Amino acid sequence: MTPNRALAQKMIELGYTQEQLAEEMNVALRQITGSTGNVSVRTIWNLLHGRTRRPIGRTRVALEHVFDCSIKDLGFDQPSPTPSEESVLRRTFAGAAAGIAAAAALPPTPGPRIGMADVDRLDAAFAGLVAADNSHGGTVSLETRAVAFAHHAMELQAVGSASQRVRQRLYYLAAAFTGTAMWAALDAYQPDRAEGHFERAMRLAGLSGNADIQLRLWGHAAVLSTQKKSPHDALAAAEAGRASSTCRRDPLARSLAAARLAGVQAEAGDERSARRSLDSAVDAFLRADKSELRPTWMAFYDQSELSGLSGLAMSRLGRHDEAEAHFHRTLGELRPAYVRNRWFYSTHLALSQLRQGDVELACSTATSVLQDPVSDSLTGRIERLLGTFSRELAGRAPRAQATESWKEQYGRRKGLL
């Protein structure tokens, strides 16, 4: 038997499990014929695994109704029926009630059993993607891999049988992988691509019932809205994250959400609210039990990241001396694995130094990013920051020797990208 990947893909796109598709098809049959259908998990398993290659009668009609496309588009052999065949099918539905009841009583043939071992393998893959993001930032490769893993998680939902606990975890992982794809797009400064990932990720997160992943996605949504120049949406997303049940339960999550909210408030020029949020972030951070087991994606949030987010807020408020102090603390405490964040905060440090008039020091700091032996893919957000630095430097000190040296190195680097 050859699995029907076209049908599996359609189920993934709509978020259907085998049980949910069977239910939807039975609803469709009830709408068409006035009688309850007999589609079971066994039916769906046969369709997915190639045991049924030419669905006919009520099964075919229900599939086309649910997916709103021809049977051929769903990967089956039988083309769409003629109008006369459709009429015959509908007339015969009512007379098939006894046969339907008998078929419904048959025990379903289960698909492969999906268990926590499968979930654990996906968890390990997710941790690997998070580590790759920390090291190299948002790349097209990372985004593509994250989407592929999300599809795999949903494919397991579609073709296998599992406990409710496992299913909810698969939804969580699908949301987590899609969120990683969203973040990769944001880091590459591709907000339109990121927006498509966000819509799907939030739907999967809702199906998972997991508040932790929703908190992560609200944080990404605030960045997305900022990139799309929608400050009100950014504030709403940051506030939604801060109000989540995870933040009520976990002080560390509350600290992260408050620090992110401060950055959005600072972007809007609300210094009073931003400082109040930062005070809240610090207080919650001090209260948090750092040894508590938390989701993989939260491992980045420590004292260095709190200092970094504080620096970003101060920079947006024009408090460049305070921002510089925060960025120095961040870079002094940042763990070695967080290479992308080192580039990011180093570039912000250079901007803070430049905006205080220290041209030579700023150029030295920015040059350290270019000279990093592993920084061979400075694209997206960091590349835009370096572009901003270059423009501001040219405007502030166009004839300085440090400016000429920077222009030469930056131009050479741009030629290599």
Protein backbone atom coordinates (compact mmCIF):
# COMPACT_ATOMS: atom_id res chain seq x y z
CA MET A 1 0.00 0.00 0.00
CA THR A 2 1.17 3.51 -0.85
CA PRO A 3 0.20 6.22 1.66
CA ASN A 4 -1.96 9.00 0.28
CA ARG A 5 0.24 12.02 0.98
CA ALA A 6 -2.09 14.44 -0.79
CA LEU A 7 -4.91 13.62 1.62
CA ALA A 8 -2.54 13.72 4.59
CA GLN A 9 -1.35 17.17 3.50
CA LYS A 10 -4.91 18.46 3.19
CA MET A 11 -5.65 17.17 6.68
CA ILE A 12 -2.54 18.89 8.01
CA GLU A 13 -3.54 22.19 6.40
CA LEU A 14 -6.97 22.07 8.02
CA GLY A 15 -5.73 20.60 11.31
CA TYR A 16 -7.84 17.42 11.10
CA THR A 17 -7.05 14.27 13.02
CA GLN A 18 -8.52 10.99 11.76
CA GLU A 19 -11.32 11.24 14.31
CA GLN A 20 -12.10 14.84 13.36
CA LEU A 21 -12.18 14.13 9.63
CA ALA A 22 -14.53 11.18 10.16
CA GLU A 23 -16.83 13.44 12.17
CA GLU A 24 -16.74 16.18 9.52
CA MET A 25 -17.56 13.70 6.78
CA ASN A 26 -20.51 12.34 8.76
CA VAL A 27 -21.79 15.89 9.27
CA ALA A 28 -21.50 16.46 5.52
CA LEU A 29 -23.47 13.29 4.80
CA ARG A 30 -26.17 14.33 7.25
CA GLN A 31 -26.44 17.70 5.49
CA ILE A 32 -26.63 16.10 2.04
CA THR A 33 -28.90 13.13 2.75
CA GLY A 34 -30.64 13.88 6.03
CA SER A 35 -29.25 10.64 7.47
CA THR A 36 -26.22 9.99 9.68
CA GLY A 37 -23.12 8.80 7.85
CA ASN A 38 -21.03 5.75 8.64
CA VAL A 39 -17.54 7.16 8.24
CA SER A 40 -15.28 5.82 10.98
CA VAL A 41 -11.62 6.03 11.92
CA ARG A 42 -11.22 2.76 10.05
CA THR A 43 -12.47 4.49 6.89
CA ILE A 44 -9.99 7.32 7.26
CA TRP A 45 -7.11 4.98 7.99
CA ASN A 46 -7.87 3.02 4.81
CA LEU A 47 -7.97 6.25 2.81
CA LEU A 48 -4.69 7.55 4.24
CA HIS A 49 -2.73 4.33 3.92
CA GLY A 50 -3.73 3.52 0.35
CA ARG A 51 -6.01 0.60 1.13
CA THR A 52 -8.83 2.54 -0.52
CA ARG A 53 -7.62 4.07 -3.80
CA ARG A 54 -11.01 4.67 -5.49
CA PRO A 55 -13.50 5.91 -2.88
CA ILE A 56 -17.01 5.66 -4.23
CA GLY A 57 -20.52 6.53 -3.19
CA ARG A 58 -21.04 8.32 0.10
CA THR A 59 -17.31 8.31 0.98
CA ARG A 60 -16.38 10.14 -2.21
CA VAL A 61 -19.18 12.67 -1.90
CA ALA A 62 -18.34 13.40 1.73
CA LEU A 63 -14.62 13.88 0.97
CA GLU A 64 -15.33 16.32 -1.83
CA HIS A 65 -17.81 18.20 0.35
CA VAL A 66 -15.45 18.54 3.32
CA PHE A 67 -12.35 19.54 1.35
CA ASP A 68 -14.23 21.45 -1.37
CA CYS A 69 -12.18 19.91 -4.16
CA SER A 70 -12.30 16.92 -6.51
CA ILE A 71 -11.40 13.42 -5.44
CA LYS A 72 -8.48 13.56 -7.87
CA ASP A 73 -7.06 16.60 -6.05
CA LEU A 74 -7.10 14.52 -2.87
CA GLY A 75 -4.74 11.96 -4.39
CA PHE A 76 -7.31 9.33 -5.42
CA ASP A 77 -7.77 7.61 -8.78
CA GLN A 78 -11.46 8.11 -9.37
CA PRO A 79 -12.37 11.38 -11.11
CA SER A 80 -15.33 13.49 -10.03
CA PRO A 81 -18.71 11.89 -10.85
CA THR A 82 -21.11 12.98 -13.54
CA PRO A 83 -24.31 14.81 -12.52
CA SER A 84 -26.38 11.68 -13.19
CA GLU A 85 -24.13 9.57 -10.96
CA GLU A 86 -24.41 12.22 -8.25
CA SER A 87 -28.19 12.01 -8.44
CA VAL A 88 -28.17 8.23 -8.15
CA LEU A 89 -25.84 8.40 -5.17
CA ARG A 90 -28.09 10.79 -3.32
CA ARG A 91 -31.21 8.69 -3.98
CA THR A 92 -29.54 5.56 -2.65
CA PHE A 93 -28.36 7.07 0.63
CA ALA A 94 -31.64 6.73 2.47
CA GLY A 95 -32.00 3.08 1.52
CA ALA A 96 -28.54 2.32 2.83
CA ALA A 97 -29.33 3.11 6.49
CA ALA A 98 -29.20 -0.54 7.61
CA GLY A 99 -25.89 -1.13 5.92
CA ILE A 100 -24.53 2.10 7.41
CA ALA A 101 -25.46 1.03 10.93
CA ALA A 102 -23.81 -2.35 10.45
CA ALA A 103 -20.64 -0.78 9.10
CA ALA A 104 -20.50 1.69 11.97
CA ALA A 105 -20.57 -1.21 14.43
CA LEU A 106 -17.36 -2.69 13.02
CA PRO A 107 -14.29 -2.16 15.20
CA PRO A 108 -11.91 0.38 13.63
CA THR A 109 -8.59 -0.74 12.29
CA PRO A 110 -6.08 1.38 14.19
CA GLY A 111 -3.16 3.11 12.52
CA PRO A 112 0.33 2.99 13.99
CA ARG A 113 0.33 3.79 17.66
CA ILE A 114 1.93 7.15 18.45
CA GLY A 115 3.41 7.41 21.93
CA MET A 116 5.61 9.54 24.13
CA ALA A 117 8.73 8.11 22.47
CA ASP A 118 7.64 9.83 19.24
CA VAL A 119 6.96 13.02 21.18
CA ASP A 120 10.37 12.84 22.84
CA ARG A 121 12.08 12.59 19.45
CA LEU A 122 10.26 15.70 18.27
CA ASP A 123 11.13 17.46 21.53
CA ALA A 124 14.80 16.72 20.87
CA ALA A 125 14.48 18.06 17.32
CA PHE A 126 12.87 21.23 18.67
CA ALA A 127 15.71 21.72 21.14
CA GLY A 128 18.15 21.33 18.24
CA LEU A 129 16.41 24.05 16.23
CA VAL A 130 16.39 26.39 19.22
CA ALA A 131 20.14 25.83 19.63
CA ALA A 132 20.71 26.49 15.92
CA ASP A 133 18.76 29.74 16.18
CA ASN A 134 20.81 30.84 19.19
CA SER A 135 24.00 30.19 17.28
CA HIS A 136 23.29 31.30 13.70
CA GLY A 137 20.05 33.26 13.90
CA GLY A 138 17.07 33.10 11.59
CA THR A 139 18.05 31.49 8.31
CA VAL A 140 15.92 30.18 5.47
CA SER A 141 17.24 26.71 6.26
CA LEU A 142 16.10 26.98 9.87
CA GLU A 143 12.69 28.25 8.83
CA THR A 144 12.27 25.43 6.30
CA ARG A 145 13.32 22.76 8.78
CA ALA A 146 10.95 24.12 11.42
CA VAL A 147 8.01 24.02 8.98
CA ALA A 148 8.93 20.44 7.99
CA PHE A 149 8.95 19.30 11.62
CA ALA A 150 5.61 21.01 12.24
CA HIS A 151 4.14 19.12 9.30
CA HIS A 152 5.58 15.89 10.61
CA ALA A 153 3.95 16.44 14.00
CA MET A 154 0.59 16.99 12.32
CA GLU A 155 1.12 14.02 10.01
CA LEU A 156 1.49 11.84 13.10
CA GLN A 157 -1.84 13.26 14.26
CA ALA A 158 -3.43 12.33 10.96
CA VAL A 159 -2.16 8.80 10.38
CA GLY A 160 -1.66 7.41 13.89
CA SER A 161 -3.69 6.57 16.96
CA ALA A 162 -2.69 8.15 20.25
CA SER A 163 -3.87 9.12 23.70
CA GLN A 164 -5.33 12.55 24.31
CA ARG A 165 -2.18 13.52 26.22
CA VAL A 166 0.02 12.61 23.26
CA ARG A 167 -2.26 14.43 20.83
CA GLN A 168 -2.16 17.62 22.87
CA ARG A 169 1.62 17.38 23.03
CA LEU A 170 1.79 16.94 19.25
CA TYR A 171 -0.32 20.08 18.81
CA TYR A 172 2.04 21.87 21.20
CA LEU A 173 5.10 20.76 19.22
CA ALA A 174 3.50 21.68 15.91
CA ALA A 175 2.83 25.14 17.35
CA ALA A 176 6.38 25.34 18.75
CA PHE A 177 7.98 24.41 15.42
CA THR A 178 5.75 26.85 13.55
CA GLY A 179 6.64 29.53 16.10
CA THR A 180 10.31 28.84 15.43
CA ALA A 181 9.67 29.27 11.71
CA MET A 182 7.93 32.56 12.52
CA TRP A 183 10.88 33.74 14.61
CA ALA A 184 13.35 32.75 11.87
CA ALA A 185 11.38 34.89 9.42
CA LEU A 186 11.31 37.79 11.90
CA ASP A 187 15.05 37.52 12.52
CA ALA A 188 15.53 37.64 8.75
CA TYR A 189 13.22 40.70 8.73
CA GLN A 190 10.57 39.04 6.56
CA PRO A 191 7.37 40.12 8.38
CA ASP A 192 4.96 38.97 5.68
CA ARG A 193 6.30 35.42 5.85
CA ALA A 194 6.28 35.57 9.63
CA GLU A 195 2.64 36.64 9.68
CA GLY A 196 1.58 33.52 7.81
CA HIS A 197 3.40 31.33 10.32
CA PHE A 198 1.83 33.23 13.22
CA GLU A 199 -1.75 32.59 12.18
CA ARG A 200 -1.16 28.86 11.92
CA ALA A 201 0.93 28.69 15.08
CA MET A 202 -1.74 30.39 17.20
CA ARG A 203 -4.42 27.99 15.94
CA LEU A 204 -2.24 25.00 16.82
CA ALA A 205 -1.38 26.52 20.20
CA GLY A 206 -5.09 26.86 20.95
CA LEU A 207 -5.65 23.21 20.08
CA SER A 208 -2.79 22.21 22.37
CA GLY A 209 -4.33 23.99 25.35
CA ASN A 210 -0.78 24.98 26.38
CA ALA A 211 -0.45 28.54 27.71
CA ASP A 212 3.38 28.49 27.64
CA ILE A 213 3.57 28.32 23.87
CA GLN A 214 0.94 31.03 23.54
CA LEU A 215 3.13 33.31 25.66
CA ARG A 216 6.03 32.71 23.27
CA LEU A 217 3.87 33.50 20.27
CA TRP A 218 2.54 36.74 21.76
CA GLY A 219 6.15 37.85 22.22
CA HIS A 220 6.84 37.10 18.56
CA ALA A 221 3.61 38.88 17.58
CA ALA A 222 4.82 42.08 19.27
CA VAL A 223 8.02 41.97 17.19
CA LEU A 224 5.98 41.24 14.06
CA SER A 225 3.71 44.24 14.63
CA THR A 226 6.74 46.46 15.27
CA GLN A 227 8.29 45.36 11.98
CA LYS A 228 5.00 46.04 10.21
CA LYS A 229 4.82 49.51 11.78
CA SER A 230 1.67 48.73 13.78
CA PRO A 231 2.47 50.09 17.28
CA HIS A 232 -1.04 49.57 18.65
CA ASP A 233 -0.98 45.92 17.63
CA ALA A 234 2.48 45.52 19.12
CA LEU A 235 1.27 46.92 22.44
CA ALA A 236 -1.82 44.69 22.41
CA ALA A 237 0.30 41.60 21.73
CA ALA A 238 2.79 42.45 24.49
CA GLU A 239 -0.03 43.09 26.95
CA ALA A 240 -1.71 39.80 25.97
CA GLY A 241 1.51 37.98 26.77
CA ARG A 242 1.84 39.77 30.09
CA ALA A 243 -1.74 38.79 31.02
CA SER A 244 -1.30 35.10 30.21
CA SER A 245 -1.91 32.39 32.79
CA THR A 246 1.75 31.35 32.51
CA CYS A 247 2.81 34.76 33.78
CA ARG A 248 0.42 34.51 36.69
CA ARG A 249 1.94 31.16 37.63
CA ASP A 250 5.64 31.66 36.88
CA PRO A 251 7.58 34.79 37.99
CA LEU A 252 10.30 34.17 35.38
CA ALA A 253 7.75 34.17 32.57
CA ARG A 254 6.19 37.28 34.10
CA SER A 255 9.61 38.96 34.11
CA LEU A 256 10.19 38.13 30.43
CA ALA A 257 6.76 39.39 29.39
CA ALA A 258 7.16 42.60 31.41
CA ALA A 259 10.60 43.30 29.92
CA ARG A 260 9.22 42.82 26.41
CA LEU A 261 6.26 45.05 27.21
CA ALA A 262 8.69 47.75 28.40
CA GLY A 263 10.37 47.73 25.00
CA VAL A 264 7.06 48.23 23.20
CA GLN A 265 6.04 51.01 25.59
CA ALA A 266 9.43 52.67 25.06
CA GLU A 267 8.96 52.46 21.28
CA ALA A 268 5.70 54.38 21.78
CA GLY A 269 7.52 57.00 23.83
CA ASP A 270 5.79 56.12 27.11
CA GLU A 271 8.80 56.39 29.43
CA ARG A 272 6.82 56.21 32.66
CA SER A 273 5.09 52.95 31.73
CA ALA A 274 8.29 51.48 30.30
CA ARG A 275 10.24 52.09 33.48
CA ARG A 276 7.42 50.70 35.58
CA SER A 277 7.37 47.55 33.46
CA LEU A 278 11.14 47.18 33.79
CA ASP A 279 10.89 47.52 37.57
CA SER A 280 8.23 44.79 37.49
CA ALA A 281 10.49 42.62 35.32
CA VAL A 282 13.40 42.95 37.74
CA ASP A 283 11.22 42.24 40.78
CA ALA A 284 9.69 39.12 39.19
CA PHE A 285 13.13 37.92 38.05
CA LEU A 286 14.45 38.11 41.61
CA ARG A 287 11.44 36.17 42.90
CA ALA A 288 11.73 33.38 40.31
CA ASP A 289 13.07 29.93 41.15
CA LYS A 290 15.68 29.55 38.39
CA SER A 291 15.93 25.79 38.99
CA GLU A 292 12.30 25.17 38.04
CA LEU A 293 11.76 23.04 34.92
CA ARG A 294 10.61 25.24 32.05
CA PRO A 295 10.03 24.93 28.27
CA THR A 296 13.12 24.66 26.09
CA TRP A 297 12.45 27.96 24.35
CA MET A 298 12.69 29.87 27.66
CA ALA A 299 16.27 28.78 28.36
CA PHE A 300 17.63 31.98 26.79
CA TYR A 301 16.08 34.21 29.46
CA ASP A 302 18.56 34.97 32.20
CA GLN A 303 20.15 38.04 33.80
CA SER A 304 22.03 38.90 30.61
CA GLU A 305 18.86 38.86 28.53
CA LEU A 306 17.00 40.96 31.10
CA SER A 307 19.82 43.51 30.88
CA GLY A 308 19.66 43.36 27.09
CA LEU A 309 15.91 43.98 26.96
CA SER A 310 16.36 46.81 29.45
CA GLY A 311 19.03 48.29 27.18
CA LEU A 312 16.70 48.14 24.19
CA ALA A 313 14.00 49.98 26.12
CA MET A 314 16.44 52.69 27.23
CA SER A 315 17.77 53.06 23.68
CA ARG A 316 14.26 53.56 22.31
CA LEU A 317 13.67 56.23 24.95
CA GLY A 318 16.84 58.04 23.89
CA ARG A 319 18.59 57.24 27.19
CA HIS A 320 21.74 56.11 25.47
CA ASP A 321 24.03 56.28 28.49
CA GLU A 322 21.72 53.93 30.42
CA ALA A 323 21.37 51.72 27.36
CA GLU A 324 25.14 51.44 27.02
CA ALA A 325 25.48 50.35 30.64
CA HIS A 326 22.84 47.65 30.19
CA PHE A 327 24.44 46.37 26.96
CA HIS A 328 27.85 46.12 28.65
CA ARG A 329 26.28 43.99 31.40
CA THR A 330 24.57 41.83 28.80
CA LEU A 331 27.73 41.15 26.83
CA GLY A 332 29.70 40.51 30.01
CA GLU A 333 27.26 37.82 31.17
CA LEU A 334 26.06 36.33 27.87
CA ARG A 335 26.63 32.60 27.56
CA PRO A 336 28.98 31.51 24.72
CA ALA A 337 26.31 29.55 22.85
CA TYR A 338 24.25 32.68 22.23
CA VAL A 339 26.28 33.91 19.29
CA ARG A 340 23.45 35.67 17.42
CA ASN A 341 22.51 37.63 20.55
CA ARG A 342 26.15 38.70 20.95
CA TRP A 343 26.12 40.20 17.44
CA PHE A 344 22.72 41.78 18.08
CA TYR A 345 23.57 43.42 21.39
CA SER A 346 27.07 44.41 20.26
CA THR A 347 25.54 46.32 17.35
CA HIS A 348 23.10 48.04 19.69
CA LEU A 349 26.00 48.91 21.98
CA ALA A 350 27.83 50.49 19.04
CA LEU A 351 24.74 52.57 18.24
CA SER A 352 24.43 53.74 21.85
CA GLN A 353 28.10 54.77 21.88
CA LEU A 354 27.76 56.58 18.56
CA ARG A 355 24.66 58.46 19.70
CA GLN A 356 26.67 59.74 22.68
CA GLY A 357 29.34 61.06 20.32
CA ASP A 358 32.04 58.45 20.95
CA VAL A 359 32.79 57.75 17.30
CA GLU A 360 36.03 55.77 17.63
CA LEU A 361 34.72 53.47 20.36
CA ALA A 362 31.48 52.93 18.45
CA CYS A 363 33.37 51.96 15.29
CA SER A 364 35.56 49.58 17.26
CA THR A 365 32.49 47.90 18.75
CA ALA A 366 30.71 47.61 15.40
CA THR A 367 33.86 46.33 13.70
CA SER A 368 34.07 43.50 16.26
CA VAL A 369 30.80 42.18 14.84
CA LEU A 370 32.15 42.22 11.28
CA GLN A 371 35.37 40.51 12.35
CA ASP A 372 33.72 37.69 14.24
CA PRO A 373 35.03 34.57 12.45
CA VAL A 374 31.62 32.87 12.55
CA SER A 375 29.51 35.87 11.57
CA ASP A 376 29.23 34.88 7.92
CA SER A 377 25.47 35.35 7.65
CA LEU A 378 24.69 38.76 9.17
CA THR A 379 21.34 39.22 7.51
CA GLY A 380 17.92 40.41 8.59
CA ARG A 381 17.70 42.38 11.80
CA ILE A 382 21.43 42.62 12.47
CA GLU A 383 22.29 43.64 8.94
CA ARG A 384 19.65 46.38 9.13
CA LEU A 385 21.13 47.57 12.43
CA LEU A 386 24.60 47.74 10.86
CA GLY A 387 23.12 49.70 7.98
CA THR A 388 21.58 52.13 10.46
CA PHE A 389 24.93 52.44 12.21
CA SER A 390 26.71 53.15 8.93
CA ARG A 391 24.23 55.88 7.93
CA GLU A 392 24.30 57.55 11.35
CA LEU A 393 28.09 57.40 11.44
CA ALA A 394 28.33 59.07 8.02
CA GLY A 395 25.94 61.78 9.17
CA ARG A 396 27.66 62.41 12.50
CA ALA A 397 31.36 62.19 11.58
CA PRO A 398 31.73 61.99 7.78
CA ARG A 399 35.44 62.94 7.72
CA ALA A 400 36.69 61.04 10.76
CA GLN A 401 39.42 58.47 10.20
CA ALA A 402 37.34 55.90 12.10
CA THR A 403 34.47 56.52 9.67
CA GLU A 404 36.70 55.92 6.65
CA SER A 405 38.02 52.71 8.17
CA TRP A 406 34.48 51.53 8.93
CA LYS A 407 33.25 52.36 5.44
CA GLU A 408 36.06 50.30 3.92
CA GLN A 409 35.45 47.26 6.14
CA TYR A 410 31.67 47.46 5.92
CA GLY A 411 31.77 47.89 2.16
CA ARG A 412 34.09 44.90 1.82
CA ARG A 413 31.78 42.88 4.01
CA LYS A 414 28.69 43.88 2.05
CA GLY A 415 30.41 42.68 -1.08
CA LEU A 416 30.85 39.22 0.50
CA LEU A 417 27.19 38.86 1.54
